[in-house]
Amino acid sequence: MVAIQEAERMNVLLGAMRRTLAELDLGLKGDLTMTEPMEKLMYSLASDLVPAVWTNLAYPSLRPLGSWLVNLMQRVTQLVEWTTDLGVPKSVWLPGLFNPQSIPYSSHAGHGAKERVAIGQDCDCDRGHQEAARPNDGPSRDGAFVHGLTLE
């Protein structure tokens, strides 16, 4: 379910990017009248800033446009790999999700349903990063291996 929700959000973002860039292209060719949103998009792109029309649909980020696009492609790659067979990945890159909290919550809820334990009553966080780094290991049987997690 998490993969589907993430893919839906990503498709909305990519669709908006595709639409606004196509409109800007037509405006620059003279086939459409340039509008204020098109001019803002053009100035943002020229200034290496992520356009506001995209940030409103995207994940929180303070990156400049070039770095943001590289990060976007990494996120898309993770989603493509994950949604190819809709199986549990070996390890999920948490910062690469629109809603990173969904993985721990869904893993905990799945474990709770399997073991008949209420959510919030039982939580066992394993140091799975070592196991997930091994190429022959599969996904976690109970829960999820994650990487990129930062704690304060």
N, C-alpha and C. Protein backbone atom coordinates (compact mmCIF):
# COMPACT_ATOMS: atom_id res chain seq x y z
N MET A 1 0.81 -1.18 0.00
CA MET A 1 0.00 0.00 0.00
C MET A 1 0.87 1.26 0.00
N VAL A 2 1.97 1.22 0.74
CA VAL A 2 2.87 2.38 0.80
C VAL A 2 3.44 2.67 -0.59
N ALA A 3 3.82 1.64 -1.31
CA ALA A 3 4.38 1.82 -2.66
C ALA A 3 3.35 2.48 -3.58
N ILE A 4 2.11 2.06 -3.49
CA ILE A 4 1.07 2.62 -4.35
C ILE A 4 0.83 4.09 -4.00
N GLN A 5 0.76 4.41 -2.71
CA GLN A 5 0.57 5.80 -2.31
C GLN A 5 1.73 6.68 -2.76
N GLU A 6 2.94 6.18 -2.60
CA GLU A 6 4.11 6.95 -3.03
C GLU A 6 4.12 7.15 -4.54
N ALA A 7 3.76 6.10 -5.28
CA ALA A 7 3.72 6.20 -6.74
C ALA A 7 2.65 7.20 -7.19
N GLU A 8 1.52 7.21 -6.52
CA GLU A 8 0.47 8.17 -6.87
C GLU A 8 0.95 9.60 -6.67
N ARG A 9 1.60 9.86 -5.55
CA ARG A 9 2.12 11.21 -5.30
C ARG A 9 3.18 11.60 -6.32
N MET A 10 4.06 10.65 -6.64
CA MET A 10 5.11 10.93 -7.61
C MET A 10 4.51 11.19 -8.99
N ASN A 11 3.50 10.43 -9.37
CA ASN A 11 2.86 10.63 -10.68
C ASN A 11 2.20 12.00 -10.78
N VAL A 12 1.61 12.48 -9.68
CA VAL A 12 1.02 13.82 -9.68
C VAL A 12 2.11 14.87 -9.90
N LEU A 13 3.23 14.72 -9.19
CA LEU A 13 4.35 15.66 -9.34
C LEU A 13 4.91 15.62 -10.75
N LEU A 14 5.20 14.43 -11.25
CA LEU A 14 5.78 14.31 -12.60
C LEU A 14 4.82 14.82 -13.67
N GLY A 15 3.53 14.58 -13.48
CA GLY A 15 2.53 15.08 -14.43
C GLY A 15 2.50 16.60 -14.47
N ALA A 16 2.59 17.22 -13.30
CA ALA A 16 2.61 18.69 -13.24
C ALA A 16 3.89 19.24 -13.87
N MET A 17 5.00 18.57 -13.63
CA MET A 17 6.26 19.01 -14.24
C MET A 17 6.16 18.92 -15.76
N ARG A 18 5.66 17.80 -16.25
CA ARG A 18 5.52 17.60 -17.70
C ARG A 18 4.60 18.65 -18.31
N ARG A 19 3.45 18.90 -17.67
CA ARG A 19 2.47 19.85 -18.19
C ARG A 19 3.02 21.28 -18.21
N THR A 20 3.63 21.71 -17.09
CA THR A 20 4.12 23.09 -17.02
C THR A 20 5.29 23.33 -17.97
N LEU A 21 6.14 22.33 -18.14
CA LEU A 21 7.26 22.48 -19.07
C LEU A 21 6.78 22.51 -20.52
N ALA A 22 5.77 21.70 -20.83
CA ALA A 22 5.21 21.70 -22.19
C ALA A 22 4.54 23.05 -22.48
N GLU A 23 3.82 23.59 -21.50
CA GLU A 23 3.18 24.91 -21.68
C GLU A 23 4.24 25.99 -21.87
N LEU A 24 5.31 25.94 -21.07
CA LEU A 24 6.38 26.92 -21.21
C LEU A 24 7.03 26.82 -22.57
N ASP A 25 7.26 25.62 -23.04
CA ASP A 25 7.84 25.42 -24.37
C ASP A 25 6.96 26.05 -25.45
N LEU A 26 5.68 25.81 -25.36
CA LEU A 26 4.75 26.40 -26.34
C LEU A 26 4.74 27.92 -26.23
N GLY A 27 4.82 28.44 -25.00
CA GLY A 27 4.85 29.89 -24.81
C GLY A 27 6.11 30.51 -25.38
N LEU A 28 7.24 29.85 -25.21
CA LEU A 28 8.50 30.37 -25.74
C LEU A 28 8.55 30.30 -27.26
N LYS A 29 7.84 29.35 -27.86
CA LYS A 29 7.76 29.24 -29.31
C LYS A 29 6.77 30.24 -29.91
N GLY A 30 5.91 30.80 -29.04
CA GLY A 30 4.91 31.74 -29.52
C GLY A 30 3.58 31.10 -29.83
N ASP A 31 3.44 29.81 -29.55
CA ASP A 31 2.18 29.11 -29.82
C ASP A 31 1.14 29.35 -28.73
N LEU A 32 1.58 29.78 -27.55
CA LEU A 32 0.69 30.13 -26.44
C LEU A 32 1.09 31.51 -25.93
N THR A 33 0.14 32.22 -25.39
CA THR A 33 0.44 33.50 -24.76
C THR A 33 1.14 33.22 -23.43
N MET A 34 2.24 33.90 -23.20
CA MET A 34 2.97 33.74 -21.95
C MET A 34 2.12 34.28 -20.80
N THR A 35 1.95 33.46 -19.77
CA THR A 35 1.18 33.87 -18.60
C THR A 35 2.14 34.11 -17.45
N GLU A 36 1.63 34.69 -16.38
CA GLU A 36 2.47 34.94 -15.21
C GLU A 36 3.05 33.65 -14.63
N PRO A 37 2.24 32.56 -14.48
CA PRO A 37 2.84 31.31 -13.99
C PRO A 37 3.94 30.77 -14.90
N MET A 38 3.79 30.96 -16.20
CA MET A 38 4.83 30.50 -17.14
C MET A 38 6.10 31.33 -16.97
N GLU A 39 5.95 32.63 -16.75
CA GLU A 39 7.12 33.49 -16.54
C GLU A 39 7.82 33.14 -15.23
N LYS A 40 7.04 32.87 -14.18
CA LYS A 40 7.63 32.47 -12.90
C LYS A 40 8.41 31.17 -13.05
N LEU A 41 7.85 30.23 -13.81
CA LEU A 41 8.53 28.97 -14.06
C LEU A 41 9.85 29.22 -14.80
N MET A 42 9.79 30.06 -15.82
CA MET A 42 10.99 30.37 -16.61
C MET A 42 12.07 31.00 -15.74
N TYR A 43 11.70 31.98 -14.90
CA TYR A 43 12.67 32.64 -14.05
C TYR A 43 13.23 31.69 -12.99
N SER A 44 12.41 30.82 -12.47
CA SER A 44 12.89 29.84 -11.50
C SER A 44 13.92 28.91 -12.13
N LEU A 45 13.62 28.42 -13.32
CA LEU A 45 14.54 27.52 -14.00
C LEU A 45 15.86 28.22 -14.31
N ALA A 46 15.78 29.50 -14.75
CA ALA A 46 16.99 30.26 -15.07
C ALA A 46 17.81 30.56 -13.83
N SER A 47 17.16 30.63 -12.67
CA SER A 47 17.84 30.95 -11.41
C SER A 47 18.24 29.71 -10.62
N ASP A 48 18.09 28.53 -11.18
CA ASP A 48 18.43 27.26 -10.52
C ASP A 48 17.61 27.07 -9.24
N LEU A 49 16.33 27.46 -9.30
CA LEU A 49 15.41 27.28 -8.18
C LEU A 49 14.32 26.31 -8.59
N VAL A 50 13.83 25.54 -7.64
CA VAL A 50 12.71 24.64 -7.91
C VAL A 50 11.45 25.51 -8.00
N PRO A 51 10.73 25.46 -9.11
CA PRO A 51 9.53 26.28 -9.26
C PRO A 51 8.50 25.99 -8.17
N ALA A 52 7.82 27.05 -7.72
CA ALA A 52 6.83 26.92 -6.64
C ALA A 52 5.72 25.96 -7.02
N VAL A 53 5.34 25.94 -8.29
CA VAL A 53 4.26 25.04 -8.72
C VAL A 53 4.66 23.58 -8.51
N TRP A 54 5.96 23.28 -8.53
CA TRP A 54 6.43 21.91 -8.28
C TRP A 54 6.60 21.66 -6.79
N THR A 55 7.14 22.64 -6.06
CA THR A 55 7.37 22.42 -4.63
C THR A 55 6.06 22.23 -3.87
N ASN A 56 4.98 22.82 -4.37
CA ASN A 56 3.68 22.63 -3.71
C ASN A 56 3.21 21.19 -3.78
N LEU A 57 3.68 20.44 -4.76
CA LEU A 57 3.29 19.04 -4.93
C LEU A 57 4.36 18.06 -4.47
N ALA A 58 5.55 18.59 -4.18
CA ALA A 58 6.70 17.73 -3.91
C ALA A 58 6.92 17.55 -2.41
N TYR A 59 7.94 16.79 -2.12
CA TYR A 59 8.43 16.53 -0.77
C TYR A 59 9.22 17.76 -0.30
N PRO A 60 9.35 17.98 0.99
CA PRO A 60 10.12 19.12 1.48
C PRO A 60 11.59 19.02 1.07
N SER A 61 12.12 20.12 0.55
CA SER A 61 13.51 20.13 0.14
C SER A 61 13.99 21.58 0.02
N LEU A 62 15.23 21.81 0.39
CA LEU A 62 15.85 23.13 0.26
C LEU A 62 16.92 23.13 -0.83
N ARG A 63 16.99 22.07 -1.61
CA ARG A 63 18.02 21.94 -2.63
C ARG A 63 17.80 22.90 -3.79
N PRO A 64 18.90 23.30 -4.46
CA PRO A 64 18.73 24.04 -5.71
C PRO A 64 18.23 23.09 -6.80
N LEU A 65 17.79 23.63 -7.90
CA LEU A 65 17.13 22.84 -8.94
C LEU A 65 17.95 21.65 -9.42
N GLY A 66 19.22 21.84 -9.72
CA GLY A 66 20.06 20.75 -10.24
C GLY A 66 20.14 19.58 -9.28
N SER A 67 20.43 19.88 -8.03
CA SER A 67 20.51 18.84 -7.01
C SER A 67 19.14 18.22 -6.76
N TRP A 68 18.09 19.04 -6.81
CA TRP A 68 16.73 18.56 -6.59
C TRP A 68 16.35 17.55 -7.67
N LEU A 69 16.73 17.83 -8.92
CA LEU A 69 16.42 16.90 -10.01
C LEU A 69 17.16 15.58 -9.88
N VAL A 70 18.42 15.63 -9.45
CA VAL A 70 19.18 14.39 -9.21
C VAL A 70 18.49 13.58 -8.12
N ASN A 71 18.10 14.25 -7.04
CA ASN A 71 17.40 13.59 -5.94
C ASN A 71 16.06 13.03 -6.41
N LEU A 72 15.34 13.78 -7.24
CA LEU A 72 14.07 13.31 -7.79
C LEU A 72 14.27 12.01 -8.58
N MET A 73 15.32 11.95 -9.38
CA MET A 73 15.59 10.74 -10.18
C MET A 73 15.91 9.55 -9.27
N GLN A 74 16.61 9.78 -8.17
CA GLN A 74 16.89 8.70 -7.22
C GLN A 74 15.60 8.19 -6.60
N ARG A 75 14.69 9.10 -6.29
CA ARG A 75 13.41 8.72 -5.72
C ARG A 75 12.58 7.92 -6.74
N VAL A 76 12.60 8.38 -7.98
CA VAL A 76 11.86 7.67 -9.04
C VAL A 76 12.44 6.27 -9.22
N THR A 77 13.75 6.16 -9.23
CA THR A 77 14.40 4.86 -9.37
C THR A 77 13.97 3.90 -8.27
N GLN A 78 13.95 4.40 -7.02
CA GLN A 78 13.50 3.54 -5.91
C GLN A 78 12.06 3.08 -6.13
N LEU A 79 11.19 4.00 -6.55
CA LEU A 79 9.79 3.64 -6.76
C LEU A 79 9.62 2.66 -7.91
N VAL A 80 10.38 2.84 -8.98
CA VAL A 80 10.30 1.91 -10.12
C VAL A 80 10.72 0.52 -9.69
N GLU A 81 11.82 0.43 -8.95
CA GLU A 81 12.28 -0.88 -8.47
C GLU A 81 11.26 -1.51 -7.53
N TRP A 82 10.67 -0.70 -6.69
CA TRP A 82 9.72 -1.18 -5.69
C TRP A 82 8.41 -1.61 -6.32
N THR A 83 7.93 -0.86 -7.30
CA THR A 83 6.62 -1.15 -7.88
C THR A 83 6.68 -2.14 -9.03
N THR A 84 7.86 -2.56 -9.43
CA THR A 84 7.96 -3.53 -10.52
C THR A 84 7.23 -4.82 -10.17
N ASP A 85 7.44 -5.31 -8.96
CA ASP A 85 6.74 -6.54 -8.55
C ASP A 85 5.89 -6.35 -7.29
N LEU A 86 5.89 -5.13 -6.75
CA LEU A 86 5.14 -4.80 -5.52
C LEU A 86 5.49 -5.71 -4.34
N GLY A 87 6.71 -6.24 -4.38
CA GLY A 87 7.19 -7.03 -3.25
C GLY A 87 7.86 -6.13 -2.23
N VAL A 88 8.20 -6.69 -1.10
CA VAL A 88 8.90 -5.93 -0.07
C VAL A 88 10.36 -5.78 -0.51
N PRO A 89 10.86 -4.54 -0.59
CA PRO A 89 12.27 -4.36 -1.00
C PRO A 89 13.22 -4.82 0.10
N LYS A 90 14.47 -5.09 -0.28
CA LYS A 90 15.46 -5.49 0.71
C LYS A 90 15.64 -4.40 1.75
N SER A 91 15.69 -3.17 1.29
CA SER A 91 15.85 -2.04 2.19
C SER A 91 15.20 -0.82 1.53
N VAL A 92 14.51 -0.02 2.33
CA VAL A 92 13.83 1.16 1.83
C VAL A 92 14.63 2.40 2.21
N TRP A 93 14.85 3.27 1.24
CA TRP A 93 15.54 4.54 1.47
C TRP A 93 14.50 5.52 2.02
N LEU A 94 14.44 5.67 3.33
CA LEU A 94 13.40 6.48 3.97
C LEU A 94 13.36 7.93 3.49
N PRO A 95 14.50 8.62 3.35
CA PRO A 95 14.41 10.00 2.90
C PRO A 95 13.90 10.13 1.46
N GLY A 96 13.84 9.02 0.74
CA GLY A 96 13.36 9.05 -0.63
C GLY A 96 11.85 8.92 -0.76
N LEU A 97 11.13 9.02 0.35
CA LEU A 97 9.68 8.88 0.32
C LEU A 97 9.01 10.21 0.63
N PHE A 98 7.83 10.41 0.07
CA PHE A 98 7.03 11.59 0.41
C PHE A 98 6.62 11.54 1.87
N ASN A 99 6.29 10.34 2.35
CA ASN A 99 5.83 10.15 3.72
C ASN A 99 6.68 9.06 4.38
N PRO A 100 7.87 9.42 4.88
CA PRO A 100 8.76 8.41 5.45
C PRO A 100 8.18 7.67 6.65
N GLN A 101 7.23 8.29 7.36
CA GLN A 101 6.64 7.66 8.54
C GLN A 101 5.80 6.45 8.17
N SER A 102 5.41 6.34 6.90
CA SER A 102 4.52 5.24 6.50
C SER A 102 5.19 3.88 6.62
N ILE A 103 6.49 3.80 6.41
CA ILE A 103 7.18 2.51 6.48
C ILE A 103 7.22 1.97 7.91
N PRO A 104 7.72 2.74 8.88
CA PRO A 104 7.69 2.19 10.24
C PRO A 104 6.27 1.90 10.72
N TYR A 105 5.33 2.76 10.38
CA TYR A 105 3.96 2.54 10.83
C TYR A 105 3.37 1.28 10.21
N SER A 106 3.52 1.13 8.88
CA SER A 106 2.93 -0.05 8.23
C SER A 106 3.63 -1.33 8.67
N SER A 107 4.94 -1.28 8.89
CA SER A 107 5.66 -2.46 9.38
C SER A 107 5.19 -2.83 10.77
N HIS A 108 5.02 -1.82 11.60
CA HIS A 108 4.57 -2.06 12.96
C HIS A 108 3.13 -2.60 12.96
N ALA A 109 2.28 -2.02 12.11
CA ALA A 109 0.89 -2.47 12.03
C ALA A 109 0.82 -3.91 11.50
N GLY A 110 1.63 -4.22 10.50
CA GLY A 110 1.66 -5.59 9.97
C GLY A 110 2.14 -6.60 10.99
N HIS A 111 3.18 -6.23 11.72
CA HIS A 111 3.69 -7.10 12.77
C HIS A 111 2.65 -7.28 13.87
N GLY A 112 1.98 -6.17 14.23
CA GLY A 112 0.96 -6.24 15.26
C GLY A 112 -0.20 -7.13 14.87
N ALA A 113 -0.61 -7.05 13.60
CA ALA A 113 -1.70 -7.90 13.13
C ALA A 113 -1.28 -9.36 13.12
N LYS A 114 -0.05 -9.61 12.70
CA LYS A 114 0.46 -10.99 12.64
C LYS A 114 0.58 -11.61 14.02
N GLU A 115 1.07 -10.83 14.95
CA GLU A 115 1.31 -11.34 16.31
C GLU A 115 0.16 -11.04 17.26
N ARG A 116 -0.89 -10.42 16.76
CA ARG A 116 -2.05 -10.03 17.57
C ARG A 116 -1.64 -9.15 18.75
N VAL A 117 -0.85 -8.11 18.43
CA VAL A 117 -0.37 -7.15 19.43
C VAL A 117 -0.85 -5.77 18.99
N ALA A 118 -1.35 -4.99 19.92
CA ALA A 118 -1.84 -3.65 19.60
C ALA A 118 -0.69 -2.75 19.19
N ILE A 119 -0.96 -1.83 18.25
CA ILE A 119 0.06 -0.87 17.82
C ILE A 119 0.42 0.00 19.03
N GLY A 120 1.71 0.23 19.20
CA GLY A 120 2.18 1.03 20.32
C GLY A 120 2.55 0.19 21.53
N GLN A 121 2.21 -1.08 21.51
CA GLN A 121 2.49 -1.95 22.64
C GLN A 121 3.83 -2.66 22.49
N ASP A 122 4.21 -2.95 21.25
CA ASP A 122 5.41 -3.74 21.01
C ASP A 122 6.16 -3.15 19.83
N CYS A 123 7.40 -2.81 20.02
CA CYS A 123 8.21 -2.30 18.90
C CYS A 123 9.63 -2.78 19.10
N ASP A 124 10.15 -3.47 18.12
CA ASP A 124 11.51 -3.98 18.18
C ASP A 124 12.26 -3.46 16.97
N CYS A 125 13.11 -2.46 17.18
CA CYS A 125 13.90 -1.90 16.09
C CYS A 125 15.23 -2.63 16.06
N ASP A 126 15.49 -3.29 14.95
CA ASP A 126 16.69 -4.09 14.80
C ASP A 126 17.73 -3.29 14.04
N ARG A 127 18.96 -3.58 14.27
CA ARG A 127 20.02 -2.95 13.49
C ARG A 127 20.18 -3.71 12.19
N GLY A 128 19.23 -3.53 11.32
CA GLY A 128 19.18 -4.27 10.07
C GLY A 128 20.07 -3.73 8.99
N HIS A 129 20.73 -2.59 9.23
CA HIS A 129 21.55 -2.01 8.17
C HIS A 129 22.68 -2.94 7.76
N GLN A 130 23.23 -3.68 8.69
CA GLN A 130 24.31 -4.60 8.34
C GLN A 130 23.77 -5.75 7.49
N GLU A 131 22.62 -6.27 7.87
CA GLU A 131 22.03 -7.36 7.11
C GLU A 131 21.56 -6.90 5.73
N ALA A 132 21.00 -5.68 5.65
CA ALA A 132 20.48 -5.17 4.38
C ALA A 132 21.62 -4.88 3.41
N ALA A 133 22.82 -4.63 3.93
CA ALA A 133 23.93 -4.31 3.05
C ALA A 133 24.47 -5.55 2.34
N ARG A 134 24.16 -6.72 2.83
CA ARG A 134 24.62 -7.94 2.18
C ARG A 134 23.76 -8.24 0.96
N PRO A 135 24.36 -8.40 -0.22
CA PRO A 135 23.58 -8.56 -1.44
C PRO A 135 22.75 -9.83 -1.52
N ASN A 136 23.09 -10.89 -0.80
CA ASN A 136 22.35 -12.15 -0.90
C ASN A 136 21.15 -12.22 0.03
N ASP A 137 21.05 -11.29 0.95
CA ASP A 137 19.94 -11.30 1.89
C ASP A 137 18.68 -10.77 1.23
N GLY A 138 17.56 -11.27 1.65
CA GLY A 138 16.29 -10.80 1.16
C GLY A 138 15.70 -9.77 2.10
N PRO A 139 14.45 -9.42 1.88
CA PRO A 139 13.79 -8.45 2.75
C PRO A 139 13.54 -9.02 4.14
N SER A 140 13.23 -8.14 5.04
CA SER A 140 12.93 -8.54 6.41
C SER A 140 11.67 -9.39 6.45
N ARG A 141 11.66 -10.42 7.29
CA ARG A 141 10.46 -11.25 7.43
C ARG A 141 9.39 -10.53 8.23
N ASP A 142 9.81 -9.82 9.25
CA ASP A 142 8.89 -9.08 10.12
C ASP A 142 9.35 -7.63 10.18
N GLY A 143 8.77 -6.77 9.38
CA GLY A 143 9.14 -5.36 9.39
C GLY A 143 9.81 -4.97 8.10
N ALA A 144 10.74 -4.03 8.19
CA ALA A 144 11.41 -3.53 7.00
C ALA A 144 12.81 -3.06 7.37
N PHE A 145 13.76 -3.35 6.49
CA PHE A 145 15.09 -2.77 6.62
C PHE A 145 15.02 -1.41 5.96
N VAL A 146 15.63 -0.42 6.60
CA VAL A 146 15.64 0.93 6.05
C VAL A 146 17.06 1.46 6.05
N HIS A 147 17.30 2.42 5.18
CA HIS A 147 18.59 3.12 5.20
C HIS A 147 18.32 4.61 4.97
N GLY A 148 19.29 5.44 5.36
CA GLY A 148 19.16 6.88 5.22
C GLY A 148 18.44 7.52 6.40
N LEU A 149 18.22 6.76 7.45
CA LEU A 149 17.50 7.27 8.61
C LEU A 149 18.42 8.16 9.43
N THR A 150 17.94 9.35 9.75
CA THR A 150 18.68 10.29 10.58
C THR A 150 17.85 10.59 11.81
N LEU A 151 18.46 10.50 12.98
CA LEU A 151 17.76 10.77 14.23
C LEU A 151 18.36 12.00 14.89
N GLU A 152 17.50 12.78 15.54
CA GLU A 152 17.98 13.92 16.33
C GLU A 152 17.80 13.61 17.79
